[in-house]
Amino acid sequence: MKTATALDIKMTKYTFEYGASKYFRDNAQNVRMGSFGEKKDPTGAKAYIDVQNTVDSDFVAKRVKYNTTLEGL
């Protein structure tokens, strides 16, 4: 995995781009691992997730078969 450089990252008023991936910024502070909700303004520039709830961590833990970490990145 390569290290990000300033050329790989683009920040706009509504989005954050890293390489080929594009993420929306509005409401980002409300999104956590396992969050779900409705995507608002899906075709516009101000797209964001209206978080309704999160998946319970116990529910996920029962279904994880294998977990590991990568070294040397």
C-alpha atoms as a PDB file:
ATOM      1  CA  MET A   1       0.000   0.000   0.000  1.00  0.00           C
ATOM      2  CA  LYS A   2       1.494   3.347  -0.977  1.00  0.00           C
ATOM      3  CA  THR A   3       1.608   6.427   1.221  1.00  0.00           C
ATOM      4  CA  ALA A   4      -0.717   9.299   0.308  1.00  0.00           C
ATOM      5  CA  THR A   5       0.788  12.441  -1.114  1.00  0.00           C
ATOM      6  CA  ALA A   6      -0.743  15.867  -1.513  1.00  0.00           C
ATOM      7  CA  LEU A   7      -1.335  15.065  -5.194  1.00  0.00           C
ATOM      8  CA  ASP A   8      -3.498  12.033  -4.282  1.00  0.00           C
ATOM      9  CA  ILE A   9      -5.830  14.064  -2.039  1.00  0.00           C
ATOM     10  CA  LYS A  10      -8.395  16.619  -3.162  1.00  0.00           C
ATOM     11  CA  MET A  11     -10.650  18.452  -0.719  1.00  0.00           C
ATOM     12  CA  THR A  12     -13.669  20.435  -1.876  1.00  0.00           C
ATOM     13  CA  LYS A  13     -16.520  22.074   0.026  1.00  0.00           C
ATOM     14  CA  TYR A  14     -18.668  18.924  -0.184  1.00  0.00           C
ATOM     15  CA  THR A  15     -16.288  16.037  -0.970  1.00  0.00           C
ATOM     16  CA  PHE A  16     -12.985  14.471   0.002  1.00  0.00           C
ATOM     17  CA  GLU A  17     -11.174  12.567  -2.754  1.00  0.00           C
ATOM     18  CA  TYR A  18      -8.354  10.119  -2.170  1.00  0.00           C
ATOM     19  CA  GLY A  19      -7.027   8.513  -5.326  1.00  0.00           C
ATOM     20  CA  ALA A  20     -10.002   7.014  -7.167  1.00  0.00           C
ATOM     21  CA  SER A  21     -12.293   7.065  -4.088  1.00  0.00           C
ATOM     22  CA  LYS A  22     -14.643   9.954  -3.401  1.00  0.00           C
ATOM     23  CA  TYR A  23     -16.331  10.545  -0.035  1.00  0.00           C
ATOM     24  CA  PHE A  24     -18.961  13.088   0.909  1.00  0.00           C
ATOM     25  CA  ARG A  25     -18.254  15.386   3.865  1.00  0.00           C
ATOM     26  CA  ASP A  26     -21.661  16.631   5.036  1.00  0.00           C
ATOM     27  CA  ASN A  27     -22.826  14.805   8.179  1.00  0.00           C
ATOM     28  CA  ALA A  28     -19.549  12.838   8.265  1.00  0.00           C
ATOM     29  CA  GLN A  29     -19.303  13.427  12.015  1.00  0.00           C
ATOM     30  CA  ASN A  30     -22.444  11.282  12.493  1.00  0.00           C
ATOM     31  CA  VAL A  31     -21.216   8.252  10.540  1.00  0.00           C
ATOM     32  CA  ARG A  32     -19.570   5.426  12.500  1.00  0.00           C
ATOM     33  CA  MET A  33     -18.657   1.849  11.651  1.00  0.00           C
ATOM     34  CA  GLY A  34     -21.950   0.040  11.098  1.00  0.00           C
ATOM     35  CA  SER A  35     -24.029   3.181  10.509  1.00  0.00           C
ATOM     36  CA  PHE A  36     -26.962   3.003   8.138  1.00  0.00           C
ATOM     37  CA  GLY A  37     -29.540   5.436   6.869  1.00  0.00           C
ATOM     38  CA  GLU A  38     -30.867   7.214   3.826  1.00  0.00           C
ATOM     39  CA  LYS A  39     -28.595   8.892   1.316  1.00  0.00           C
ATOM     40  CA  LYS A  40     -29.865  12.416   0.766  1.00  0.00           C
ATOM     41  CA  ASP A  41     -29.426  14.354  -2.481  1.00  0.00           C
ATOM     42  CA  PRO A  42     -27.866  11.258  -4.129  1.00  0.00           C
ATOM     43  CA  THR A  43     -27.224  12.918  -7.476  1.00  0.00           C
ATOM     44  CA  GLY A  44     -26.329  16.391  -6.262  1.00  0.00           C
ATOM     45  CA  ALA A  45     -23.124  17.907  -4.985  1.00  0.00           C
ATOM     46  CA  LYS A  46     -24.326  17.989  -1.366  1.00  0.00           C
ATOM     47  CA  ALA A  47     -24.855  14.226  -0.923  1.00  0.00           C
ATOM     48  CA  TYR A  48     -24.739  12.869   2.620  1.00  0.00           C
ATOM     49  CA  ILE A  49     -26.063  10.008   4.740  1.00  0.00           C
ATOM     50  CA  ASP A  50     -28.904  10.801   7.125  1.00  0.00           C
ATOM     51  CA  VAL A  51     -27.894   8.268   9.798  1.00  0.00           C
ATOM     52  CA  GLN A  52     -30.888   6.412  11.257  1.00  0.00           C
ATOM     53  CA  ASN A  53     -29.085   3.925  13.499  1.00  0.00           C
ATOM     54  CA  THR A  54     -26.085   1.593  13.750  1.00  0.00           C
ATOM     55  CA  VAL A  55     -25.728  -2.177  13.670  1.00  0.00           C
ATOM     56  CA  ASP A  56     -25.154  -3.556  17.174  1.00  0.00           C
ATOM     57  CA  SER A  57     -21.527  -4.651  17.646  1.00  0.00           C
ATOM     58  CA  ASP A  58     -22.628  -7.954  19.267  1.00  0.00           C
ATOM     59  CA  PHE A  59     -24.556  -8.790  16.092  1.00  0.00           C
ATOM     60  CA  VAL A  60     -21.442  -8.248  13.977  1.00  0.00           C
ATOM     61  CA  ALA A  61     -19.065 -10.039  16.384  1.00  0.00           C
ATOM     62  CA  LYS A  62     -21.079 -13.272  16.112  1.00  0.00           C
ATOM     63  CA  ARG A  63     -20.606 -13.286  12.337  1.00  0.00           C
ATOM     64  CA  VAL A  64     -16.896 -12.445  12.023  1.00  0.00           C
ATOM     65  CA  LYS A  65     -15.010 -15.609  11.124  1.00  0.00           C
ATOM     66  CA  TYR A  66     -11.440 -14.297  11.021  1.00  0.00           C
ATOM     67  CA  ASN A  67      -9.732 -11.041  11.854  1.00  0.00           C
ATOM     68  CA  THR A  68      -6.127 -10.074  11.196  1.00  0.00           C
ATOM     69  CA  THR A  69      -3.855  -7.071  10.815  1.00  0.00           C
ATOM     70  CA  LEU A  70      -1.254  -6.165   8.231  1.00  0.00           C
ATOM     71  CA  GLU A  71       2.301  -5.438   9.226  1.00  0.00           C
ATOM     72  CA  GLY A  72       4.963  -3.407   7.498  1.00  0.00           C
ATOM     73  CA  LEU A  73       2.781  -0.772   5.884  1.00  0.00           C
END
